[in-house]
C-alpha atoms as a PDB file:
ATOM      1  CA  UNK A   1       2.283  37.462 -30.283  1.00  0.00           C
ATOM      2  CA  UNK A   2      -0.244  40.049 -31.359  1.00  0.00           C
ATOM      3  CA  UNK A   3      -3.595  38.963 -32.710  1.00  0.00           C
ATOM      4  CA  UNK A   4      -5.029  40.765 -35.681  1.00  0.00           C
ATOM      5  CA  UNK A   5      -8.782  40.877 -35.456  1.00  0.00           C
ATOM      6  CA  UNK A   6     -10.827  38.399 -33.431  1.00  0.00           C
ATOM      7  CA  UNK A   7      -9.999  34.826 -34.294  1.00  0.00           C
ATOM      8  CA  UNK A   8     -12.120  32.582 -32.032  1.00  0.00           C
ATOM      9  CA  UNK A   9      -9.982  29.509 -32.704  1.00  0.00           C
ATOM     10  CA  UNK A  10      -6.752  31.229 -31.661  1.00  0.00           C
ATOM     11  CA  UNK A  11      -8.426  32.708 -28.577  1.00  0.00           C
ATOM     12  CA  UNK A  12      -9.676  29.242 -27.572  1.00  0.00           C
ATOM     13  CA  UNK A  13      -6.206  27.739 -28.025  1.00  0.00           C
ATOM     14  CA  UNK A  14      -4.686  30.502 -25.877  1.00  0.00           C
ATOM     15  CA  UNK A  15      -7.285  29.810 -23.192  1.00  0.00           C
ATOM     16  CA  UNK A  16      -6.398  26.080 -23.274  1.00  0.00           C
ATOM     17  CA  UNK A  17      -2.707  26.961 -22.993  1.00  0.00           C
ATOM     18  CA  UNK A  18      -3.322  29.108 -19.883  1.00  0.00           C
ATOM     19  CA  UNK A  19      -5.453  26.401 -18.261  1.00  0.00           C
ATOM     20  CA  UNK A  20      -2.943  23.649 -18.982  1.00  0.00           C
ATOM     21  CA  UNK A  21      -0.087  25.730 -17.533  1.00  0.00           C
ATOM     22  CA  UNK A  22      -2.042  25.961 -14.260  1.00  0.00           C
ATOM     23  CA  UNK A  23      -2.983  22.258 -14.236  1.00  0.00           C
ATOM     24  CA  UNK A  24      -1.381  19.977 -11.688  1.00  0.00           C
ATOM     25  CA  UNK A  25      -2.197  16.229 -11.793  1.00  0.00           C
ATOM     26  CA  UNK A  26      -3.954  15.158  -8.622  1.00  0.00           C
ATOM     27  CA  UNK A  27      -4.640  18.727  -7.580  1.00  0.00           C
ATOM     28  CA  UNK A  28      -7.960  19.470  -5.962  1.00  0.00           C
ATOM     29  CA  UNK A  29     -10.348  20.996  -8.456  1.00  0.00           C
ATOM     30  CA  UNK A  30     -12.900  22.093  -5.866  1.00  0.00           C
ATOM     31  CA  UNK A  31     -15.155  19.042  -6.138  1.00  0.00           C
ATOM     32  CA  UNK A  32     -13.793  17.153  -3.129  1.00  0.00           C
ATOM     33  CA  UNK A  33     -10.508  15.523  -2.200  1.00  0.00           C
ATOM     34  CA  UNK A  34      -8.683  14.093  -5.191  1.00  0.00           C
ATOM     35  CA  UNK A  35      -5.135  13.584  -4.040  1.00  0.00           C
ATOM     36  CA  UNK A  36      -3.313  11.118  -6.284  1.00  0.00           C
ATOM     37  CA  UNK A  37      -0.941   8.590  -4.730  1.00  0.00           C
ATOM     38  CA  UNK A  38       0.909   5.448  -5.747  1.00  0.00           C
ATOM     39  CA  UNK A  39       0.454   2.135  -4.035  1.00  0.00           C
ATOM     40  CA  UNK A  40       2.178  -1.229  -3.973  1.00  0.00           C
ATOM     41  CA  UNK A  41      -0.434  -3.864  -4.793  1.00  0.00           C
ATOM     42  CA  UNK A  42      -0.216  -7.354  -3.336  1.00  0.00           C
ATOM     43  CA  UNK A  43      -2.256 -10.246  -2.048  1.00  0.00           C
ATOM     44  CA  UNK A  44      -2.764 -11.622   1.416  1.00  0.00           C
ATOM     45  CA  UNK A  45      -4.646 -14.873   1.031  1.00  0.00           C
ATOM     46  CA  UNK A  46      -7.486 -14.222  -1.401  1.00  0.00           C
ATOM     47  CA  UNK A  47      -7.604 -10.489  -0.654  1.00  0.00           C
ATOM     48  CA  UNK A  48      -6.004  -7.909  -2.921  1.00  0.00           C
ATOM     49  CA  UNK A  49      -4.470  -5.091  -0.901  1.00  0.00           C
ATOM     50  CA  UNK A  50      -2.534  -1.911  -1.491  1.00  0.00           C
ATOM     51  CA  UNK A  51      -0.495   0.372   0.742  1.00  0.00           C
ATOM     52  CA  UNK A  52       1.177   3.670   0.047  1.00  0.00           C
ATOM     53  CA  UNK A  53       4.452   3.163  -1.806  1.00  0.00           C
ATOM     54  CA  UNK A  54       6.049   5.887   0.332  1.00  0.00           C
ATOM     55  CA  UNK A  55       5.844   3.515   3.324  1.00  0.00           C
ATOM     56  CA  UNK A  56       7.757   0.742   1.531  1.00  0.00           C
ATOM     57  CA  UNK A  57      11.518   1.148   1.313  1.00  0.00           C
ATOM     58  CA  UNK A  58      12.163  -1.986  -0.729  1.00  0.00           C
ATOM     59  CA  UNK A  59      10.513  -5.098  -2.154  1.00  0.00           C
ATOM     60  CA  UNK A  60      12.692  -8.179  -1.673  1.00  0.00           C
ATOM     61  CA  UNK A  61      12.608 -11.893  -2.357  1.00  0.00           C
ATOM     62  CA  UNK A  62      12.087 -13.660   0.947  1.00  0.00           C
ATOM     63  CA  UNK A  63      15.482 -13.996   2.666  1.00  0.00           C
ATOM     64  CA  UNK A  64      16.480 -16.765   5.052  1.00  0.00           C
ATOM     65  CA  UNK A  65      15.244 -15.876   8.554  1.00  0.00           C
ATOM     66  CA  UNK A  66      16.465 -17.078  11.933  1.00  0.00           C
ATOM     67  CA  UNK A  67      13.586 -17.936  14.290  1.00  0.00           C
ATOM     68  CA  UNK A  68      13.258 -15.914  17.483  1.00  0.00           C
ATOM     69  CA  UNK A  69      12.551 -18.020  20.589  1.00  0.00           C
ATOM     70  CA  UNK A  70       9.528 -16.874  22.571  1.00  0.00           C
ATOM     71  CA  UNK A  71       7.963 -14.958  19.664  1.00  0.00           C
ATOM     72  CA  UNK A  72       4.479 -15.470  18.276  1.00  0.00           C
ATOM     73  CA  UNK A  73       4.296 -17.869  15.357  1.00  0.00           C
ATOM     74  CA  UNK A  74       3.508 -15.159  12.800  1.00  0.00           C
ATOM     75  CA  UNK A  75       6.910 -13.594  13.530  1.00  0.00           C
ATOM     76  CA  UNK A  76       9.039 -15.705  11.198  1.00  0.00           C
ATOM     77  CA  UNK A  77      12.304 -14.429  12.642  1.00  0.00           C
ATOM     78  CA  UNK A  78      15.179 -12.079  11.890  1.00  0.00           C
ATOM     79  CA  UNK A  79      16.823 -11.738   8.494  1.00  0.00           C
ATOM     80  CA  UNK A  80      20.090 -10.048   7.629  1.00  0.00           C
ATOM     81  CA  UNK A  81      19.524  -7.714   4.686  1.00  0.00           C
ATOM     82  CA  UNK A  82      22.745  -5.954   3.718  1.00  0.00           C
ATOM     83  CA  UNK A  83      23.944  -5.873   7.326  1.00  0.00           C
ATOM     84  CA  UNK A  84      20.639  -4.691   8.784  1.00  0.00           C
ATOM     85  CA  UNK A  85      18.478  -7.013  10.899  1.00  0.00           C
ATOM     86  CA  UNK A  86      14.903  -7.089   9.658  1.00  0.00           C
ATOM     87  CA  UNK A  87      12.052  -8.584  11.684  1.00  0.00           C
ATOM     88  CA  UNK A  88      10.109 -10.802   9.265  1.00  0.00           C
ATOM     89  CA  UNK A  89       6.345 -10.931   9.882  1.00  0.00           C
ATOM     90  CA  UNK A  90       4.000 -13.204   7.942  1.00  0.00           C
ATOM     91  CA  UNK A  91       1.120 -10.832   7.202  1.00  0.00           C
ATOM     92  CA  UNK A  92      -1.346 -13.559   6.196  1.00  0.00           C
ATOM     93  CA  UNK A  93      -0.535 -15.606   9.297  1.00  0.00           C
ATOM     94  CA  UNK A  94      -1.028 -12.526  11.479  1.00  0.00           C
ATOM     95  CA  UNK A  95      -4.444 -11.767   9.968  1.00  0.00           C
ATOM     96  CA  UNK A  96      -5.853 -15.233   9.245  1.00  0.00           C
ATOM     97  CA  UNK A  97      -3.768 -17.788  11.113  1.00  0.00           C
ATOM     98  CA  UNK A  98      -2.791 -19.368   7.781  1.00  0.00           C
ATOM     99  CA  UNK A  99       0.896 -19.370   6.936  1.00  0.00           C
ATOM    100  CA  UNK A 100       1.989 -17.764   3.652  1.00  0.00           C
ATOM    101  CA  UNK A 101       3.526 -20.417   1.396  1.00  0.00           C
ATOM    102  CA  UNK A 102       7.050 -19.416   0.394  1.00  0.00           C
ATOM    103  CA  UNK A 103       7.183 -19.591  -3.405  1.00  0.00           C
ATOM    104  CA  UNK A 104       9.150 -17.876  -6.155  1.00  0.00           C
ATOM    105  CA  UNK A 105       6.475 -15.142  -6.138  1.00  0.00           C
ATOM    106  CA  UNK A 106       6.603 -14.488  -2.369  1.00  0.00           C
ATOM    107  CA  UNK A 107       8.024 -11.119  -1.419  1.00  0.00           C
ATOM    108  CA  UNK A 108       9.009  -9.105   1.605  1.00  0.00           C
ATOM    109  CA  UNK A 109       7.800  -5.510   1.845  1.00  0.00           C
ATOM    110  CA  UNK A 110      10.570  -3.757   3.766  1.00  0.00           C
ATOM    111  CA  UNK A 111       9.294  -0.883   5.884  1.00  0.00           C
ATOM    112  CA  UNK A 112       9.851   0.416   9.390  1.00  0.00           C
ATOM    113  CA  UNK A 113       8.023   0.343  12.692  1.00  0.00           C
ATOM    114  CA  UNK A 114       9.151   3.202  14.944  1.00  0.00           C
ATOM    115  CA  UNK A 115      12.421   3.374  12.960  1.00  0.00           C
ATOM    116  CA  UNK A 116      13.007  -0.370  13.434  1.00  0.00           C
ATOM    117  CA  UNK A 117      13.241  -2.276  10.139  1.00  0.00           C
ATOM    118  CA  UNK A 118      10.451  -4.755   9.527  1.00  0.00           C
ATOM    119  CA  UNK A 119       9.628  -6.984   6.585  1.00  0.00           C
ATOM    120  CA  UNK A 120       6.065  -7.980   5.799  1.00  0.00           C
ATOM    121  CA  UNK A 121       5.947 -11.383   4.089  1.00  0.00           C
ATOM    122  CA  UNK A 122       3.261 -11.452   1.414  1.00  0.00           C
ATOM    123  CA  UNK A 123       2.185 -14.029  -1.122  1.00  0.00           C
ATOM    124  CA  UNK A 124       2.672 -11.970  -4.280  1.00  0.00           C
ATOM    125  CA  UNK A 125       3.300  -8.408  -5.460  1.00  0.00           C
ATOM    126  CA  UNK A 126       1.244  -7.356  -8.473  1.00  0.00           C
ATOM    127  CA  UNK A 127       3.053  -4.072  -9.048  1.00  0.00           C
ATOM    128  CA  UNK A 128       2.326  -0.405  -8.621  1.00  0.00           C
ATOM    129  CA  UNK A 129      -0.992   1.333  -9.222  1.00  0.00           C
ATOM    130  CA  UNK A 130      -2.033   4.960  -9.045  1.00  0.00           C
ATOM    131  CA  UNK A 131      -5.051   5.849  -6.945  1.00  0.00           C
ATOM    132  CA  UNK A 132      -7.095   8.977  -6.326  1.00  0.00           C
ATOM    133  CA  UNK A 133      -8.393   9.421  -2.776  1.00  0.00           C
ATOM    134  CA  UNK A 134     -11.596  11.009  -4.035  1.00  0.00           C
ATOM    135  CA  UNK A 135     -12.440   7.799  -5.928  1.00  0.00           C
ATOM    136  CA  UNK A 136     -12.203   5.585  -2.823  1.00  0.00           C
ATOM    137  CA  UNK A 137     -15.321   3.969  -1.416  1.00  0.00           C
ATOM    138  CA  UNK A 138     -15.836   2.334   1.990  1.00  0.00           C
ATOM    139  CA  UNK A 139     -14.215  -1.106   2.014  1.00  0.00           C
ATOM    140  CA  UNK A 140     -16.520  -4.062   1.528  1.00  0.00           C
ATOM    141  CA  UNK A 141     -15.342  -6.587   4.101  1.00  0.00           C
ATOM    142  CA  UNK A 142     -16.976  -9.747   5.377  1.00  0.00           C
ATOM    143  CA  UNK A 143     -18.621  -9.348   8.764  1.00  0.00           C
ATOM    144  CA  UNK A 144     -15.938 -11.375  10.553  1.00  0.00           C
ATOM    145  CA  UNK A 145     -12.997 -10.138   8.468  1.00  0.00           C
ATOM    146  CA  UNK A 146      -9.640 -10.042  10.281  1.00  0.00           C
ATOM    147  CA  UNK A 147      -8.851  -6.927   8.199  1.00  0.00           C
ATOM    148  CA  UNK A 148     -11.596  -4.958   9.945  1.00  0.00           C
ATOM    149  CA  UNK A 149      -9.985  -1.943  11.580  1.00  0.00           C
ATOM    150  CA  UNK A 150      -6.938  -2.117   9.303  1.00  0.00           C
ATOM    151  CA  UNK A 151      -8.763  -1.514   6.014  1.00  0.00           C
ATOM    152  CA  UNK A 152     -11.357   1.233   5.665  1.00  0.00           C
ATOM    153  CA  UNK A 153     -11.150   2.225   1.986  1.00  0.00           C
ATOM    154  CA  UNK A 154     -11.395   0.374  -1.276  1.00  0.00           C
ATOM    155  CA  UNK A 155     -10.277   1.490  -4.731  1.00  0.00           C
ATOM    156  CA  UNK A 156     -12.017   0.042  -7.775  1.00  0.00           C
ATOM    157  CA  UNK A 157      -9.995   0.245 -10.989  1.00  0.00           C
ATOM    158  CA  UNK A 158     -11.916  -1.312 -13.832  1.00  0.00           C
ATOM    159  CA  UNK A 159     -12.530  -4.930 -12.880  1.00  0.00           C
ATOM    160  CA  UNK A 160      -9.913  -4.852 -10.105  1.00  0.00           C
ATOM    161  CA  UNK A 161     -10.675  -3.937  -6.516  1.00  0.00           C
ATOM    162  CA  UNK A 162      -7.892  -2.993  -4.070  1.00  0.00           C
ATOM    163  CA  UNK A 163      -8.423  -2.627  -0.332  1.00  0.00           C
ATOM    164  CA  UNK A 164      -6.159   0.000   1.231  1.00  0.00           C
ATOM    165  CA  UNK A 165      -4.175  -1.410   4.161  1.00  0.00           C
ATOM    166  CA  UNK A 166      -3.444   1.267   6.745  1.00  0.00           C
ATOM    167  CA  UNK A 167       0.064   0.422   7.980  1.00  0.00           C
ATOM    168  CA  UNK A 168      -0.124   3.013  10.754  1.00  0.00           C
ATOM    169  CA  UNK A 169      -3.166   1.282  12.249  1.00  0.00           C
ATOM    170  CA  UNK A 170      -1.481  -2.099  11.871  1.00  0.00           C
ATOM    171  CA  UNK A 171       1.771  -0.958  13.446  1.00  0.00           C
ATOM    172  CA  UNK A 172      -0.036   0.739  16.354  1.00  0.00           C
ATOM    173  CA  UNK A 173      -2.352  -2.158  17.158  1.00  0.00           C
ATOM    174  CA  UNK A 174      -1.699  -3.834  20.495  1.00  0.00           C
ATOM    175  CA  UNK A 175      -1.822  -7.307  18.928  1.00  0.00           C
ATOM    176  CA  UNK A 176       0.860  -6.454  16.356  1.00  0.00           C
ATOM    177  CA  UNK A 177       3.093  -4.696  18.876  1.00  0.00           C
ATOM    178  CA  UNK A 178       2.972  -7.638  21.292  1.00  0.00           C
ATOM    179  CA  UNK A 179       5.062 -10.257  19.547  1.00  0.00           C
ATOM    180  CA  UNK A 180       5.741 -12.315  22.669  1.00  0.00           C
ATOM    181  CA  UNK A 181       4.264 -15.833  22.621  1.00  0.00           C
ATOM    182  CA  UNK A 182       1.517 -16.530  25.109  1.00  0.00           C
END
């Protein structure tokens, strides 16, 4: 398209077109990290948490689990999910010592620990939210919070606040890895 004369409006529209063609949502614009990611949002007790959706393979209703003798109480047992044995861990019980009540809203976040399938029992899933790393602030935790060391960032979206659970830290903690009863 050839412009006849200097039309400022057309030139501005062409500039917008060039800029929008280069735009990539979540791309760094030079003012700090701004990587966009999606998280599964859920509750553990009274705390609203999120973890990266890429770490969760499936969200399931809580299946029947067979207890494992000699395991810590927060390990509910093993569940057969489509022919695969999943270790079911009560996340609230692990963190707080309070068992998650099994209700119609309870869910299992299926993930893996060193390629072994594991299901994290949680009270409720709220859905999926999109977060931008650059918008995260240091997590505001109580002084004696059991989440200390597992949560370092917090994302505030309007009136909602989501603490980011680091599954790698959880899965590499000595307490989580040692499921044998004392």
